[in-house]
Amino acid sequence: MKRSAALNDLEARLGHRFDRPELLSRALTHASMSGPGREDNQRLEFLGDRVLGLVMAEALLDRDPTAAEGALAPRYNALVRKETCAEVAAACGIGEALRLGRSERMSGGRRKMALLGDAMEAVIAAVYADGGFDAAKALILRLWGDRIDRVERDARDPKTALQEWAQGRGLSPPAYVETGREGPDHQPVFTIEARLTTGESASAVASSKRQAEQAAAAELLDRLEGRQ
């Protein structure tokens, strides 16, 4: 398969050069674009979810050899949840490279958390199929970066964590304001802004209000605590 400039750029951001670039192409193909001779990324997503889970379980055990299962489970869930996969996908530009049908493109599919998270898992599986477990593990640890080290904070509900931050400083609880809505009624995409009374704010986009609120809270908390 001949590589496009877009695939070359994405390979560079991922840090993996594919021997079989068709695997990456398949990982980026949403079901809305599948058809004769063109496979979508659903089977790869299924595999990538399992590879990600194994890598994260191993990483958490290595970093905290004395932690009980009850302490490890919420950290693990925070690292492998769809929201985190979508954040990582957006950070390395997977959204721009997605192959979507017209309806998905028109409804903001490149920004949808579910599509981004699924594509990230599919890309992990593509790397696994192309280069083996060690290559997939290296990719995951590189892209997740310091999320693994700060997972204890991330394991908390972001809205609860932001409210605790505000209350600890004598502030009113944050407000969540819907500032945008796109797409058809059966598949809306919401933009939510988290606001503090002191003026700080952050926005996020997701396919449900709850997910957008959580993402906006996490974004604002990151800024407030100096992580961005």
C-alpha atoms as a PDB file:
ATOM      1  CA  MET A   1       0.000   0.000   0.000  1.00  0.00           C
ATOM      2  CA  LYS A   2       1.294   3.458  -0.908  1.00  0.00           C
ATOM      3  CA  ARG A   3       1.516   5.824   2.035  1.00  0.00           C
ATOM      4  CA  SER A   4      -0.227   9.185   1.885  1.00  0.00           C
ATOM      5  CA  ALA A   5       1.311  12.290   3.401  1.00  0.00           C
ATOM      6  CA  ALA A   6      -1.371  12.196   6.103  1.00  0.00           C
ATOM      7  CA  LEU A   7      -0.450   8.636   7.104  1.00  0.00           C
ATOM      8  CA  ASN A   8       3.241   9.550   7.146  1.00  0.00           C
ATOM      9  CA  ASP A   9       2.516  12.468   9.449  1.00  0.00           C
ATOM     10  CA  LEU A  10       0.430  10.332  11.784  1.00  0.00           C
ATOM     11  CA  GLU A  11       3.092   7.629  11.900  1.00  0.00           C
ATOM     12  CA  ALA A  12       5.595  10.287  12.965  1.00  0.00           C
ATOM     13  CA  ARG A  13       3.295  11.504  15.760  1.00  0.00           C
ATOM     14  CA  LEU A  14       2.653   7.952  16.915  1.00  0.00           C
ATOM     15  CA  GLY A  15       6.332   7.077  16.822  1.00  0.00           C
ATOM     16  CA  HIS A  16       5.785   3.839  14.897  1.00  0.00           C
ATOM     17  CA  ARG A  17       6.650   3.214  11.254  1.00  0.00           C
ATOM     18  CA  PHE A  18       4.316   0.555   9.868  1.00  0.00           C
ATOM     19  CA  ASP A  19       5.656  -2.292   7.787  1.00  0.00           C
ATOM     20  CA  ARG A  20       2.013  -2.848   6.793  1.00  0.00           C
ATOM     21  CA  PRO A  21       0.495   0.643   6.491  1.00  0.00           C
ATOM     22  CA  GLU A  22      -2.822  -0.877   5.463  1.00  0.00           C
ATOM     23  CA  LEU A  23      -3.295  -1.767   9.143  1.00  0.00           C
ATOM     24  CA  LEU A  24      -3.158   1.892  10.129  1.00  0.00           C
ATOM     25  CA  SER A  25      -5.505   2.759   7.298  1.00  0.00           C
ATOM     26  CA  ARG A  26      -8.014   0.186   8.546  1.00  0.00           C
ATOM     27  CA  ALA A  27      -7.688   1.442  12.130  1.00  0.00           C
ATOM     28  CA  LEU A  28      -8.734   4.902  10.946  1.00  0.00           C
ATOM     29  CA  THR A  29     -11.775   3.692   8.949  1.00  0.00           C
ATOM     30  CA  HIS A  30     -15.072   4.157  10.768  1.00  0.00           C
ATOM     31  CA  ALA A  31     -17.993   1.814  10.076  1.00  0.00           C
ATOM     32  CA  SER A  32     -19.730   4.650   8.211  1.00  0.00           C
ATOM     33  CA  MET A  33     -17.011   4.342   5.550  1.00  0.00           C
ATOM     34  CA  SER A  34     -16.834   0.562   5.299  1.00  0.00           C
ATOM     35  CA  GLY A  35     -17.859  -1.233   2.149  1.00  0.00           C
ATOM     36  CA  PRO A  36     -16.725  -3.812  -0.395  1.00  0.00           C
ATOM     37  CA  GLY A  37     -12.945  -4.046  -0.205  1.00  0.00           C
ATOM     38  CA  ARG A  38     -12.753  -1.582   2.686  1.00  0.00           C
ATOM     39  CA  GLU A  39     -12.746  -2.969   6.244  1.00  0.00           C
ATOM     40  CA  ASP A  40     -13.692  -0.799   9.207  1.00  0.00           C
ATOM     41  CA  ASN A  41     -11.879  -0.595  12.548  1.00  0.00           C
ATOM     42  CA  GLN A  42     -14.324  -2.464  14.802  1.00  0.00           C
ATOM     43  CA  ARG A  43     -12.405  -5.739  15.008  1.00  0.00           C
ATOM     44  CA  LEU A  44      -9.163  -3.876  15.633  1.00  0.00           C
ATOM     45  CA  GLU A  45     -10.881  -1.842  18.351  1.00  0.00           C
ATOM     46  CA  PHE A  46     -11.897  -5.075  20.098  1.00  0.00           C
ATOM     47  CA  LEU A  47      -8.303  -6.308  20.091  1.00  0.00           C
ATOM     48  CA  GLY A  48      -6.766  -2.967  21.003  1.00  0.00           C
ATOM     49  CA  ASP A  49      -8.928  -2.653  24.104  1.00  0.00           C
ATOM     50  CA  ARG A  50      -7.447  -5.926  25.408  1.00  0.00           C
ATOM     51  CA  VAL A  51      -3.865  -4.958  24.568  1.00  0.00           C
ATOM     52  CA  LEU A  52      -4.301  -1.608  26.310  1.00  0.00           C
ATOM     53  CA  GLY A  53      -5.743  -3.324  29.372  1.00  0.00           C
ATOM     54  CA  LEU A  54      -2.814  -5.712  29.691  1.00  0.00           C
ATOM     55  CA  VAL A  55      -0.223  -2.965  29.289  1.00  0.00           C
ATOM     56  CA  MET A  56      -1.893  -0.749  31.882  1.00  0.00           C
ATOM     57  CA  ALA A  57      -2.373  -3.559  34.394  1.00  0.00           C
ATOM     58  CA  GLU A  58       1.301  -4.437  34.079  1.00  0.00           C
ATOM     59  CA  ALA A  59       2.388  -0.791  34.345  1.00  0.00           C
ATOM     60  CA  LEU A  60       0.367  -0.209  37.511  1.00  0.00           C
ATOM     61  CA  LEU A  61       1.718  -3.344  39.170  1.00  0.00           C
ATOM     62  CA  ASP A  62       5.275  -2.328  38.301  1.00  0.00           C
ATOM     63  CA  ARG A  63       4.844   1.209  39.666  1.00  0.00           C
ATOM     64  CA  ASP A  64       3.223   0.171  42.953  1.00  0.00           C
ATOM     65  CA  PRO A  65       4.254  -3.378  43.957  1.00  0.00           C
ATOM     66  CA  THR A  66       2.441  -3.176  47.324  1.00  0.00           C
ATOM     67  CA  ALA A  67      -0.925  -1.769  46.182  1.00  0.00           C
ATOM     68  CA  ALA A  68      -4.021  -3.861  46.838  1.00  0.00           C
ATOM     69  CA  GLU A  69      -6.449  -4.761  44.062  1.00  0.00           C
ATOM     70  CA  GLY A  70      -8.980  -2.332  45.498  1.00  0.00           C
ATOM     71  CA  ALA A  71      -6.531   0.544  45.039  1.00  0.00           C
ATOM     72  CA  LEU A  72      -5.382  -0.555  41.590  1.00  0.00           C
ATOM     73  CA  ALA A  73      -8.825  -1.025  40.055  1.00  0.00           C
ATOM     74  CA  PRO A  74      -9.903   2.667  39.979  1.00  0.00           C
ATOM     75  CA  ARG A  75      -6.493   3.695  38.629  1.00  0.00           C
ATOM     76  CA  TYR A  76      -6.771   1.083  35.906  1.00  0.00           C
ATOM     77  CA  ASN A  77     -10.292   2.191  35.009  1.00  0.00           C
ATOM     78  CA  ALA A  78      -9.153   5.823  34.758  1.00  0.00           C
ATOM     79  CA  LEU A  79      -6.377   4.904  32.332  1.00  0.00           C
ATOM     80  CA  VAL A  80      -8.367   2.679  29.977  1.00  0.00           C
ATOM     81  CA  ARG A  81     -11.739   4.442  29.959  1.00  0.00           C
ATOM     82  CA  LYS A  82     -13.041   5.780  26.665  1.00  0.00           C
ATOM     83  CA  GLU A  83     -12.577   9.407  27.740  1.00  0.00           C
ATOM     84  CA  THR A  84      -8.854   8.898  28.325  1.00  0.00           C
ATOM     85  CA  CYS A  85      -8.418   7.051  25.020  1.00  0.00           C
ATOM     86  CA  ALA A  86     -10.183   9.938  23.272  1.00  0.00           C
ATOM     87  CA  GLU A  87      -7.932  12.519  24.947  1.00  0.00           C
ATOM     88  CA  VAL A  88      -4.833  10.639  23.797  1.00  0.00           C
ATOM     89  CA  ALA A  89      -6.254  10.254  20.284  1.00  0.00           C
ATOM     90  CA  ALA A  90      -6.974  13.979  20.037  1.00  0.00           C
ATOM     91  CA  ALA A  91      -3.510  14.863  21.315  1.00  0.00           C
ATOM     92  CA  CYS A  92      -1.787  12.902  18.531  1.00  0.00           C
ATOM     93  CA  GLY A  93      -4.126  14.044  15.750  1.00  0.00           C
ATOM     94  CA  ILE A  94      -6.075  10.869  15.125  1.00  0.00           C
ATOM     95  CA  GLY A  95      -9.324  12.798  14.734  1.00  0.00           C
ATOM     96  CA  GLU A  96      -8.058  14.653  11.679  1.00  0.00           C
ATOM     97  CA  ALA A  97      -7.004  11.377  10.056  1.00  0.00           C
ATOM     98  CA  LEU A  98     -10.277   9.487  10.608  1.00  0.00           C
ATOM     99  CA  ARG A  99     -12.110   8.213   7.534  1.00  0.00           C
ATOM    100  CA  LEU A 100     -15.791   8.956   8.101  1.00  0.00           C
ATOM    101  CA  GLY A 101     -18.960   8.744   6.091  1.00  0.00           C
ATOM    102  CA  ARG A 102     -20.670  11.990   5.193  1.00  0.00           C
ATOM    103  CA  SER A 103     -23.241  11.843   8.002  1.00  0.00           C
ATOM    104  CA  GLU A 104     -20.534  11.385  10.628  1.00  0.00           C
ATOM    105  CA  ARG A 105     -18.423  14.167   9.165  1.00  0.00           C
ATOM    106  CA  MET A 106     -21.387  16.536   9.135  1.00  0.00           C
ATOM    107  CA  SER A 107     -22.295  15.732  12.754  1.00  0.00           C
ATOM    108  CA  GLY A 108     -18.817  16.477  14.121  1.00  0.00           C
ATOM    109  CA  GLY A 109     -17.547  12.904  14.160  1.00  0.00           C
ATOM    110  CA  ARG A 110     -13.888  13.924  14.302  1.00  0.00           C
ATOM    111  CA  ARG A 111     -14.505  15.384  17.756  1.00  0.00           C
ATOM    112  CA  LYS A 112     -16.784  12.697  19.182  1.00  0.00           C
ATOM    113  CA  MET A 113     -15.349  11.007  22.231  1.00  0.00           C
ATOM    114  CA  ALA A 114     -16.660   7.546  21.309  1.00  0.00           C
ATOM    115  CA  LEU A 115     -15.210   7.654  17.791  1.00  0.00           C
ATOM    116  CA  LEU A 116     -11.862   8.979  18.974  1.00  0.00           C
ATOM    117  CA  GLY A 117     -11.622   6.426  21.779  1.00  0.00           C
ATOM    118  CA  ASP A 118     -12.506   3.553  19.463  1.00  0.00           C
ATOM    119  CA  ALA A 119      -9.973   4.725  16.887  1.00  0.00           C
ATOM    120  CA  MET A 120      -7.239   4.947  19.516  1.00  0.00           C
ATOM    121  CA  GLU A 121      -7.871   1.351  20.541  1.00  0.00           C
ATOM    122  CA  ALA A 122      -7.878   0.316  16.885  1.00  0.00           C
ATOM    123  CA  VAL A 123      -4.534   2.043  16.301  1.00  0.00           C
ATOM    124  CA  ILE A 124      -3.072   0.187  19.296  1.00  0.00           C
ATOM    125  CA  ALA A 125      -4.221  -3.100  17.747  1.00  0.00           C
ATOM    126  CA  ALA A 126      -2.769  -2.083  14.376  1.00  0.00           C
ATOM    127  CA  VAL A 127       0.629  -1.490  15.995  1.00  0.00           C
ATOM    128  CA  TYR A 128       0.324  -4.808  17.835  1.00  0.00           C
ATOM    129  CA  ALA A 129      -0.470  -6.648  14.592  1.00  0.00           C
ATOM    130  CA  ASP A 130       2.332  -4.853  12.753  1.00  0.00           C
ATOM    131  CA  GLY A 131       5.128  -4.957  15.318  1.00  0.00           C
ATOM    132  CA  GLY A 132       4.100  -7.268  18.141  1.00  0.00           C
ATOM    133  CA  PHE A 133       3.365  -6.702  21.829  1.00  0.00           C
ATOM    134  CA  ASP A 134       6.588  -4.834  22.617  1.00  0.00           C
ATOM    135  CA  ALA A 135       5.853  -2.263  19.913  1.00  0.00           C
ATOM    136  CA  ALA A 136       2.285  -1.786  21.155  1.00  0.00           C
ATOM    137  CA  LYS A 137       3.477  -1.484  24.748  1.00  0.00           C
ATOM    138  CA  ALA A 138       6.048   1.147  23.803  1.00  0.00           C
ATOM    139  CA  LEU A 139       3.396   3.106  21.909  1.00  0.00           C
ATOM    140  CA  ILE A 140       0.943   3.061  24.827  1.00  0.00           C
ATOM    141  CA  LEU A 141       3.494   4.051  27.465  1.00  0.00           C
ATOM    142  CA  ARG A 142       4.784   6.846  25.225  1.00  0.00           C
ATOM    143  CA  LEU A 143       1.365   8.275  24.381  1.00  0.00           C
ATOM    144  CA  TRP A 144      -0.145   7.941  27.864  1.00  0.00           C
ATOM    145  CA  GLY A 145       2.998   9.517  29.340  1.00  0.00           C
ATOM    146  CA  ASP A 146       2.578  11.067  32.793  1.00  0.00           C
ATOM    147  CA  ARG A 147      -1.093  10.081  32.947  1.00  0.00           C
ATOM    148  CA  ILE A 148       0.101   6.828  34.489  1.00  0.00           C
ATOM    149  CA  ASP A 149       2.067   8.627  37.204  1.00  0.00           C
ATOM    150  CA  ARG A 150      -0.762  11.010  38.095  1.00  0.00           C
ATOM    151  CA  VAL A 151      -3.500   8.403  37.886  1.00  0.00           C
ATOM    152  CA  GLU A 152      -4.487   8.630  41.554  1.00  0.00           C
ATOM    153  CA  ARG A 153      -5.908  12.094  40.934  1.00  0.00           C
ATOM    154  CA  ASP A 154      -7.328  11.137  37.571  1.00  0.00           C
ATOM    155  CA  ALA A 155      -9.113   8.141  39.117  1.00  0.00           C
ATOM    156  CA  ARG A 156     -11.373  10.531  40.994  1.00  0.00           C
ATOM    157  CA  ASP A 157     -14.493  11.865  39.336  1.00  0.00           C
ATOM    158  CA  PRO A 158     -13.333  15.143  37.682  1.00  0.00           C
ATOM    159  CA  LYS A 159     -16.451  17.099  38.672  1.00  0.00           C
ATOM    160  CA  THR A 160     -16.083  16.018  42.285  1.00  0.00           C
ATOM    161  CA  ALA A 161     -12.369  16.822  42.254  1.00  0.00           C
ATOM    162  CA  LEU A 162     -13.010  20.302  40.813  1.00  0.00           C
ATOM    163  CA  GLN A 163     -15.727  21.003  43.374  1.00  0.00           C
ATOM    164  CA  GLU A 164     -13.381  19.934  46.185  1.00  0.00           C
ATOM    165  CA  TRP A 165     -10.695  22.225  44.758  1.00  0.00           C
ATOM    166  CA  ALA A 166     -13.118  25.170  44.731  1.00  0.00           C
ATOM    167  CA  GLN A 167     -14.546  24.497  48.184  1.00  0.00           C
ATOM    168  CA  GLY A 168     -11.062  24.140  49.629  1.00  0.00           C
ATOM    169  CA  ARG A 169     -10.436  27.748  48.582  1.00  0.00           C
ATOM    170  CA  GLY A 170     -13.731  29.112  49.805  1.00  0.00           C
ATOM    171  CA  LEU A 171     -15.281  29.347  46.334  1.00  0.00           C
ATOM    172  CA  SER A 172     -18.767  28.453  45.168  1.00  0.00           C
ATOM    173  CA  PRO A 173     -19.164  25.150  43.315  1.00  0.00           C
ATOM    174  CA  PRO A 174     -18.363  25.349  39.585  1.00  0.00           C
ATOM    175  CA  ALA A 175     -21.148  25.953  37.088  1.00  0.00           C
ATOM    176  CA  TYR A 176     -21.600  23.942  33.884  1.00  0.00           C
ATOM    177  CA  VAL A 177     -23.073  25.844  30.942  1.00  0.00           C
ATOM    178  CA  GLU A 178     -24.098  24.388  27.588  1.00  0.00           C
ATOM    179  CA  THR A 179     -22.538  26.723  25.014  1.00  0.00           C
ATOM    180  CA  GLY A 180     -23.180  24.706  21.881  1.00  0.00           C
ATOM    181  CA  ARG A 181     -25.051  21.791  20.386  1.00  0.00           C
ATOM    182  CA  GLU A 182     -24.567  20.313  16.920  1.00  0.00           C
ATOM    183  CA  GLY A 183     -25.750  17.336  14.943  1.00  0.00           C
ATOM    184  CA  PRO A 184     -29.151  15.655  14.598  1.00  0.00           C
ATOM    185  CA  ASP A 185     -31.471  15.095  17.574  1.00  0.00           C
ATOM    186  CA  HIS A 186     -30.688  11.384  17.684  1.00  0.00           C
ATOM    187  CA  GLN A 187     -26.923  11.969  17.722  1.00  0.00           C
ATOM    188  CA  PRO A 188     -26.146  15.353  19.289  1.00  0.00           C
ATOM    189  CA  VAL A 189     -22.713  16.726  20.132  1.00  0.00           C
ATOM    190  CA  PHE A 190     -22.588  19.039  23.155  1.00  0.00           C
ATOM    191  CA  THR A 191     -20.136  21.783  24.066  1.00  0.00           C
ATOM    192  CA  ILE A 192     -20.052  22.429  27.814  1.00  0.00           C
ATOM    193  CA  GLU A 193     -18.086  25.106  29.664  1.00  0.00           C
ATOM    194  CA  ALA A 194     -17.033  24.632  33.293  1.00  0.00           C
ATOM    195  CA  ARG A 195     -16.861  27.995  35.074  1.00  0.00           C
ATOM    196  CA  LEU A 196     -15.646  29.228  38.452  1.00  0.00           C
ATOM    197  CA  THR A 197     -16.868  32.427  40.065  1.00  0.00           C
ATOM    198  CA  THR A 198     -13.302  33.767  39.850  1.00  0.00           C
ATOM    199  CA  GLY A 199     -13.520  33.719  36.042  1.00  0.00           C
ATOM    200  CA  GLU A 200     -11.496  30.624  35.147  1.00  0.00           C
ATOM    201  CA  SER A 201     -13.185  28.343  32.630  1.00  0.00           C
ATOM    202  CA  ALA A 202     -12.609  25.451  30.228  1.00  0.00           C
ATOM    203  CA  SER A 203     -14.719  23.867  27.503  1.00  0.00           C
ATOM    204  CA  ALA A 204     -15.099  20.331  26.184  1.00  0.00           C
ATOM    205  CA  VAL A 205     -17.090  18.568  23.480  1.00  0.00           C
ATOM    206  CA  ALA A 206     -18.717  15.134  23.779  1.00  0.00           C
ATOM    207  CA  SER A 207     -21.724  13.137  22.643  1.00  0.00           C
ATOM    208  CA  SER A 208     -23.468  13.492  26.026  1.00  0.00           C
ATOM    209  CA  LYS A 209     -23.767  16.378  28.470  1.00  0.00           C
ATOM    210  CA  ARG A 210     -22.347  14.294  31.293  1.00  0.00           C
ATOM    211  CA  GLN A 211     -19.242  13.331  29.343  1.00  0.00           C
ATOM    212  CA  ALA A 212     -18.710  16.923  28.234  1.00  0.00           C
ATOM    213  CA  GLU A 213     -19.082  18.176  31.814  1.00  0.00           C
ATOM    214  CA  GLN A 214     -16.578  15.612  33.077  1.00  0.00           C
ATOM    215  CA  ALA A 215     -14.100  16.480  30.338  1.00  0.00           C
ATOM    216  CA  ALA A 216     -14.479  20.224  30.928  1.00  0.00           C
ATOM    217  CA  ALA A 217     -13.971  19.746  34.664  1.00  0.00           C
ATOM    218  CA  ALA A 218     -10.832  17.689  34.061  1.00  0.00           C
ATOM    219  CA  GLU A 219      -9.469  20.292  31.627  1.00  0.00           C
ATOM    220  CA  LEU A 220     -10.075  23.161  34.069  1.00  0.00           C
ATOM    221  CA  LEU A 221      -8.578  21.248  36.986  1.00  0.00           C
ATOM    222  CA  ASP A 222      -5.465  20.499  34.931  1.00  0.00           C
ATOM    223  CA  ARG A 223      -5.028  24.201  34.236  1.00  0.00           C
ATOM    224  CA  LEU A 224      -5.623  25.219  37.826  1.00  0.00           C
ATOM    225  CA  GLU A 225      -3.125  22.693  39.142  1.00  0.00           C
ATOM    226  CA  GLY A 226      -0.514  23.683  36.578  1.00  0.00           C
ATOM    227  CA  ARG A 227      -0.482  20.512  34.520  1.00  0.00           C
ATOM    228  CA  GLN A 228      -0.931  22.341  31.219  1.00  0.00           C
END
